Amino acid sequence: MLDAARRRFASDGFKATTIRAIAADAGVDAALVMQFFRSKDELFGAVMSISPEALSRIASAYRGPAESVGERVARAHLAVWESDQPDADALRAMLRGAIANEKANTLLREFIEARLSEGARQSDSDSHDTEVRVALAASMLVGIVVGRQIVQVAVLAKEETEAIVRHIGPALQTILAPPPEAGHDDRT
């Protein structure tokens, strides 16, 4: 039932998804779905559990040489959000649902904020500036997923993931690991 719900929420969004449709996809009676999950909201909440492996992939992208963090983060993020795995279905469902449902909005915000705090802990600094830079990077990446997966902007939807990584990597690099300020001399 959870796999059917994940797929249905990911394809139709929270608002358009029905318990009957999920039950039909799972090959069970709608009453059985309601027996296990008392409401569509509770089912949606159960669907949104993201595997530790997916979370680890995003967090580990912040580890490694600073000079390649932009591409690593872009690649890891897109791999988690755009794969054919249940985690990607769950994340896309969360993204679609966040538009129309406060619980989904809260789940997505909590997911992104958890990834942001993990990313900030991975960096050399725990300053407010680092948190802002990581939040900007995450927002850009979520925007790319929206363009490719939700709105399906044709040129973005058709583009190969590695081409997207090549385009967005340098921008993320500048945000996540900014070069030292021009004219700033660390010796003074």
C-alpha atoms as a PDB file:
ATOM      1  CA  MET A   1       0.000   0.000   0.000  1.00  0.00           C
ATOM      2  CA  LEU A   2       2.797   2.411   0.828  1.00  0.00           C
ATOM      3  CA  ASP A   3       4.500   1.837  -2.523  1.00  0.00           C
ATOM      4  CA  ALA A   4       1.205   2.434  -4.342  1.00  0.00           C
ATOM      5  CA  ALA A   5       0.589   5.567  -2.268  1.00  0.00           C
ATOM      6  CA  ARG A   6       4.115   6.863  -2.960  1.00  0.00           C
ATOM      7  CA  ARG A   7       3.648   6.451  -6.692  1.00  0.00           C
ATOM      8  CA  ARG A   8       0.168   7.992  -6.659  1.00  0.00           C
ATOM      9  CA  PHE A   9       1.130  11.016  -4.523  1.00  0.00           C
ATOM     10  CA  ALA A  10       4.231  11.547  -6.688  1.00  0.00           C
ATOM     11  CA  SER A  11       2.287  11.415  -9.953  1.00  0.00           C
ATOM     12  CA  ASP A  12      -0.944  13.189  -8.933  1.00  0.00           C
ATOM     13  CA  GLY A  13       0.015  15.309  -5.926  1.00  0.00           C
ATOM     14  CA  PHE A  14      -1.722  15.339  -2.559  1.00  0.00           C
ATOM     15  CA  LYS A  15      -4.920  17.087  -3.551  1.00  0.00           C
ATOM     16  CA  ALA A  16      -5.794  14.889  -6.561  1.00  0.00           C
ATOM     17  CA  THR A  17      -4.840  11.592  -4.932  1.00  0.00           C
ATOM     18  CA  THR A  18      -7.693   9.530  -3.495  1.00  0.00           C
ATOM     19  CA  ILE A  19      -7.722   6.609  -1.104  1.00  0.00           C
ATOM     20  CA  ARG A  20      -9.724   4.674  -3.708  1.00  0.00           C
ATOM     21  CA  ALA A  21      -7.050   5.222  -6.363  1.00  0.00           C
ATOM     22  CA  ILE A  22      -4.302   4.120  -3.986  1.00  0.00           C
ATOM     23  CA  ALA A  23      -6.294   1.039  -2.985  1.00  0.00           C
ATOM     24  CA  ALA A  24      -6.908   0.145  -6.643  1.00  0.00           C
ATOM     25  CA  ASP A  25      -3.194   0.565  -7.430  1.00  0.00           C
ATOM     26  CA  ALA A  26      -2.326  -1.691  -4.480  1.00  0.00           C
ATOM     27  CA  GLY A  27      -5.004  -4.247  -5.367  1.00  0.00           C
ATOM     28  CA  VAL A  28      -6.789  -3.921  -2.025  1.00  0.00           C
ATOM     29  CA  ASP A  29     -10.083  -2.532  -0.771  1.00  0.00           C
ATOM     30  CA  ALA A  30     -10.159   1.141   0.255  1.00  0.00           C
ATOM     31  CA  ALA A  31     -11.431   0.076   3.702  1.00  0.00           C
ATOM     32  CA  LEU A  32      -8.182  -1.805   4.271  1.00  0.00           C
ATOM     33  CA  VAL A  33      -6.176   1.324   3.500  1.00  0.00           C
ATOM     34  CA  MET A  34      -8.305   3.263   5.978  1.00  0.00           C
ATOM     35  CA  GLN A  35      -7.881   0.520   8.570  1.00  0.00           C
ATOM     36  CA  PHE A  36      -4.103   0.947   8.509  1.00  0.00           C
ATOM     37  CA  PHE A  37      -4.028   4.698   7.858  1.00  0.00           C
ATOM     38  CA  ARG A  38      -7.010   6.507   9.340  1.00  0.00           C
ATOM     39  CA  SER A  39      -6.882   9.371   6.846  1.00  0.00           C
ATOM     40  CA  LYS A  40      -5.244  10.519   3.644  1.00  0.00           C
ATOM     41  CA  ASP A  41      -3.111  12.875   5.770  1.00  0.00           C
ATOM     42  CA  GLU A  42      -1.823   9.978   7.902  1.00  0.00           C
ATOM     43  CA  LEU A  43      -1.087   7.897   4.814  1.00  0.00           C
ATOM     44  CA  PHE A  44       0.774  10.823   3.284  1.00  0.00           C
ATOM     45  CA  GLY A  45       2.814  11.183   6.475  1.00  0.00           C
ATOM     46  CA  ALA A  46       3.752   7.490   6.373  1.00  0.00           C
ATOM     47  CA  VAL A  47       4.742   7.763   2.732  1.00  0.00           C
ATOM     48  CA  MET A  48       7.125  10.624   3.434  1.00  0.00           C
ATOM     49  CA  SER A  49       9.620   8.578   5.413  1.00  0.00           C
ATOM     50  CA  ILE A  50      12.833   8.913   3.472  1.00  0.00           C
ATOM     51  CA  SER A  51      15.469   6.194   3.683  1.00  0.00           C
ATOM     52  CA  PRO A  52      18.653   6.825   5.644  1.00  0.00           C
ATOM     53  CA  GLU A  53      20.642   5.979   2.500  1.00  0.00           C
ATOM     54  CA  ALA A  54      19.106   8.869   0.565  1.00  0.00           C
ATOM     55  CA  LEU A  55      19.760  11.262   3.410  1.00  0.00           C
ATOM     56  CA  SER A  56      23.332  10.028   3.699  1.00  0.00           C
ATOM     57  CA  ARG A  57      23.969  10.580  -0.023  1.00  0.00           C
ATOM     58  CA  ILE A  58      22.989  14.225   0.273  1.00  0.00           C
ATOM     59  CA  ALA A  59      24.973  14.774   3.482  1.00  0.00           C
ATOM     60  CA  SER A  60      28.095  13.061   2.156  1.00  0.00           C
ATOM     61  CA  ALA A  61      28.182  15.389  -0.851  1.00  0.00           C
ATOM     62  CA  TYR A  62      29.405  18.157   1.458  1.00  0.00           C
ATOM     63  CA  ARG A  63      32.466  16.077   2.409  1.00  0.00           C
ATOM     64  CA  GLY A  64      35.574  16.248   0.295  1.00  0.00           C
ATOM     65  CA  PRO A  65      37.610  18.936  -1.418  1.00  0.00           C
ATOM     66  CA  ALA A  66      36.038  22.400  -1.290  1.00  0.00           C
ATOM     67  CA  GLU A  67      36.937  23.041  -4.928  1.00  0.00           C
ATOM     68  CA  SER A  68      34.403  20.462  -6.168  1.00  0.00           C
ATOM     69  CA  VAL A  69      31.582  20.791  -3.634  1.00  0.00           C
ATOM     70  CA  GLY A  70      29.225  22.471  -6.141  1.00  0.00           C
ATOM     71  CA  GLU A  71      29.188  19.570  -8.571  1.00  0.00           C
ATOM     72  CA  ARG A  72      29.064  16.944  -5.789  1.00  0.00           C
ATOM     73  CA  VAL A  73      26.065  18.578  -4.135  1.00  0.00           C
ATOM     74  CA  ALA A  74      24.237  19.054  -7.463  1.00  0.00           C
ATOM     75  CA  ARG A  75      24.875  15.444  -8.507  1.00  0.00           C
ATOM     76  CA  ALA A  76      23.848  13.952  -5.137  1.00  0.00           C
ATOM     77  CA  HIS A  77      20.733  16.105  -4.899  1.00  0.00           C
ATOM     78  CA  LEU A  78      19.541  15.281  -8.404  1.00  0.00           C
ATOM     79  CA  ALA A  79      20.336  11.590  -7.918  1.00  0.00           C
ATOM     80  CA  VAL A  80      18.096  11.445  -4.850  1.00  0.00           C
ATOM     81  CA  TRP A  81      15.235  13.558  -6.236  1.00  0.00           C
ATOM     82  CA  GLU A  82      15.215  12.284  -9.817  1.00  0.00           C
ATOM     83  CA  SER A  83      15.866   8.559  -9.593  1.00  0.00           C
ATOM     84  CA  ASP A  84      13.242   5.863 -10.068  1.00  0.00           C
ATOM     85  CA  GLN A  85      13.588   4.811  -6.426  1.00  0.00           C
ATOM     86  CA  PRO A  86      10.868   5.111  -3.752  1.00  0.00           C
ATOM     87  CA  ASP A  87      12.814   7.960  -2.119  1.00  0.00           C
ATOM     88  CA  ALA A  88      12.463  10.061  -5.269  1.00  0.00           C
ATOM     89  CA  ASP A  89       8.736   9.301  -5.472  1.00  0.00           C
ATOM     90  CA  ALA A  90       8.339  10.299  -1.830  1.00  0.00           C
ATOM     91  CA  LEU A  91      10.259  13.534  -2.275  1.00  0.00           C
ATOM     92  CA  ARG A  92       8.338  14.499  -5.414  1.00  0.00           C
ATOM     93  CA  ALA A  93       5.068  13.729  -3.633  1.00  0.00           C
ATOM     94  CA  MET A  94       6.201  15.895  -0.736  1.00  0.00           C
ATOM     95  CA  LEU A  95       7.081  18.708  -3.134  1.00  0.00           C
ATOM     96  CA  ARG A  96       3.731  18.531  -4.945  1.00  0.00           C
ATOM     97  CA  GLY A  97       1.833  18.274  -1.696  1.00  0.00           C
ATOM     98  CA  ALA A  98       3.673  21.190  -0.096  1.00  0.00           C
ATOM     99  CA  ILE A  99       1.862  23.543  -2.433  1.00  0.00           C
ATOM    100  CA  ALA A 100      -1.625  22.599  -1.239  1.00  0.00           C
ATOM    101  CA  ASN A 101      -1.217  20.943   2.147  1.00  0.00           C
ATOM    102  CA  GLU A 102       0.226  22.414   5.325  1.00  0.00           C
ATOM    103  CA  LYS A 103       1.381  19.019   6.622  1.00  0.00           C
ATOM    104  CA  ALA A 104       3.248  18.374   3.368  1.00  0.00           C
ATOM    105  CA  ASN A 105       4.668  21.890   3.503  1.00  0.00           C
ATOM    106  CA  THR A 106       5.911  21.203   7.033  1.00  0.00           C
ATOM    107  CA  LEU A 107       7.375  17.836   6.000  1.00  0.00           C
ATOM    108  CA  LEU A 108       9.218  19.338   3.037  1.00  0.00           C
ATOM    109  CA  ARG A 109      10.483  22.284   5.084  1.00  0.00           C
ATOM    110  CA  GLU A 110      11.701  19.943   7.835  1.00  0.00           C
ATOM    111  CA  PHE A 111      13.401  17.703   5.279  1.00  0.00           C
ATOM    112  CA  ILE A 112      15.183  20.620   3.608  1.00  0.00           C
ATOM    113  CA  GLU A 113      16.137  22.228   6.924  1.00  0.00           C
ATOM    114  CA  ALA A 114      17.572  18.943   8.180  1.00  0.00           C
ATOM    115  CA  ARG A 115      19.678  18.655   5.041  1.00  0.00           C
ATOM    116  CA  LEU A 116      20.737  22.283   5.412  1.00  0.00           C
ATOM    117  CA  SER A 117      21.867  21.846   8.980  1.00  0.00           C
ATOM    118  CA  GLU A 118      23.759  18.698   7.975  1.00  0.00           C
ATOM    119  CA  GLY A 119      25.402  20.608   5.126  1.00  0.00           C
ATOM    120  CA  ALA A 120      26.323  23.494   7.396  1.00  0.00           C
ATOM    121  CA  ARG A 121      27.868  21.085   9.934  1.00  0.00           C
ATOM    122  CA  GLN A 122      29.945  19.565   7.125  1.00  0.00           C
ATOM    123  CA  SER A 123      31.425  22.947   6.190  1.00  0.00           C
ATOM    124  CA  ASP A 124      34.364  24.632   7.844  1.00  0.00           C
ATOM    125  CA  SER A 125      32.098  27.146   9.559  1.00  0.00           C
ATOM    126  CA  ASP A 126      28.847  27.104  11.454  1.00  0.00           C
ATOM    127  CA  SER A 127      28.172  30.788  10.932  1.00  0.00           C
ATOM    128  CA  HIS A 128      24.884  32.349   9.889  1.00  0.00           C
ATOM    129  CA  ASP A 129      26.454  33.169   6.517  1.00  0.00           C
ATOM    130  CA  THR A 130      27.156  29.473   5.915  1.00  0.00           C
ATOM    131  CA  GLU A 131      23.574  28.565   6.796  1.00  0.00           C
ATOM    132  CA  VAL A 132      22.254  31.189   4.370  1.00  0.00           C
ATOM    133  CA  ARG A 133      24.547  29.965   1.587  1.00  0.00           C
ATOM    134  CA  VAL A 134      23.483  26.329   2.106  1.00  0.00           C
ATOM    135  CA  ALA A 135      19.802  27.407   2.141  1.00  0.00           C
ATOM    136  CA  LEU A 136      20.280  29.286  -1.143  1.00  0.00           C
ATOM    137  CA  ALA A 137      21.922  26.242  -2.727  1.00  0.00           C
ATOM    138  CA  ALA A 138      19.123  23.945  -1.563  1.00  0.00           C
ATOM    139  CA  SER A 139      16.489  26.359  -2.855  1.00  0.00           C
ATOM    140  CA  MET A 140      18.164  26.481  -6.258  1.00  0.00           C
ATOM    141  CA  LEU A 141      18.250  22.696  -6.417  1.00  0.00           C
ATOM    142  CA  VAL A 142      14.617  22.339  -5.381  1.00  0.00           C
ATOM    143  CA  GLY A 143      13.785  24.887  -8.089  1.00  0.00           C
ATOM    144  CA  ILE A 144      15.557  22.732 -10.663  1.00  0.00           C
ATOM    145  CA  VAL A 145      13.559  19.699  -9.550  1.00  0.00           C
ATOM    146  CA  VAL A 146      10.342  21.715  -9.813  1.00  0.00           C
ATOM    147  CA  GLY A 147      11.280  22.815 -13.328  1.00  0.00           C
ATOM    148  CA  ARG A 148      12.283  19.324 -14.450  1.00  0.00           C
ATOM    149  CA  GLN A 149       9.836  17.082 -12.592  1.00  0.00           C
ATOM    150  CA  ILE A 150       6.773  19.076 -11.567  1.00  0.00           C
ATOM    151  CA  VAL A 151       6.289  21.871 -14.129  1.00  0.00           C
ATOM    152  CA  GLN A 152       8.268  19.918 -16.742  1.00  0.00           C
ATOM    153  CA  VAL A 153       9.852  22.839 -18.542  1.00  0.00           C
ATOM    154  CA  ALA A 154      10.635  21.052 -21.812  1.00  0.00           C
ATOM    155  CA  VAL A 155      14.275  22.043 -22.212  1.00  0.00           C
ATOM    156  CA  LEU A 156      15.051  21.191 -18.569  1.00  0.00           C
ATOM    157  CA  ALA A 157      13.013  17.990 -18.495  1.00  0.00           C
ATOM    158  CA  LYS A 158      14.824  16.644 -21.563  1.00  0.00           C
ATOM    159  CA  GLU A 159      18.320  17.678 -20.489  1.00  0.00           C
ATOM    160  CA  GLU A 160      20.684  14.975 -19.244  1.00  0.00           C
ATOM    161  CA  THR A 161      21.400  15.116 -15.515  1.00  0.00           C
ATOM    162  CA  GLU A 162      25.147  15.489 -16.039  1.00  0.00           C
ATOM    163  CA  ALA A 163      24.561  18.496 -18.305  1.00  0.00           C
ATOM    164  CA  ILE A 164      22.448  20.078 -15.560  1.00  0.00           C
ATOM    165  CA  VAL A 165      25.243  19.324 -13.061  1.00  0.00           C
ATOM    166  CA  ARG A 166      27.794  21.000 -15.375  1.00  0.00           C
ATOM    167  CA  HIS A 167      25.619  24.121 -15.612  1.00  0.00           C
ATOM    168  CA  ILE A 168      24.569  24.458 -11.977  1.00  0.00           C
ATOM    169  CA  GLY A 169      27.787  23.151 -10.372  1.00  0.00           C
ATOM    170  CA  PRO A 170      29.784  26.381 -10.825  1.00  0.00           C
ATOM    171  CA  ALA A 171      26.954  28.497  -9.389  1.00  0.00           C
ATOM    172  CA  LEU A 172      26.649  26.182  -6.386  1.00  0.00           C
ATOM    173  CA  GLN A 173      30.426  26.218  -6.051  1.00  0.00           C
ATOM    174  CA  THR A 174      30.409  30.012  -5.775  1.00  0.00           C
ATOM    175  CA  ILE A 175      27.622  29.907  -3.192  1.00  0.00           C
ATOM    176  CA  LEU A 176      28.886  26.994  -1.089  1.00  0.00           C
ATOM    177  CA  ALA A 177      32.634  27.712  -1.238  1.00  0.00           C
ATOM    178  CA  PRO A 178      33.004  31.383  -2.141  1.00  0.00           C
ATOM    179  CA  PRO A 179      36.453  32.533  -3.146  1.00  0.00           C
ATOM    180  CA  PRO A 180      38.224  34.828  -0.700  1.00  0.00           C
ATOM    181  CA  GLU A 181      37.085  38.421  -1.095  1.00  0.00           C
ATOM    182  CA  ALA A 182      39.115  40.395  -3.609  1.00  0.00           C
ATOM    183  CA  GLY A 183      41.608  42.661  -1.901  1.00  0.00           C
ATOM    184  CA  HIS A 184      41.258  40.789   1.403  1.00  0.00           C
ATOM    185  CA  ASP A 185      44.648  39.950   2.840  1.00  0.00           C
ATOM    186  CA  ASP A 186      44.628  37.296   5.569  1.00  0.00           C
ATOM    187  CA  ARG A 187      48.008  38.510   6.838  1.00  0.00           C
ATOM    188  CA  THR A 188      46.557  41.709   8.263  1.00  0.00           C
END
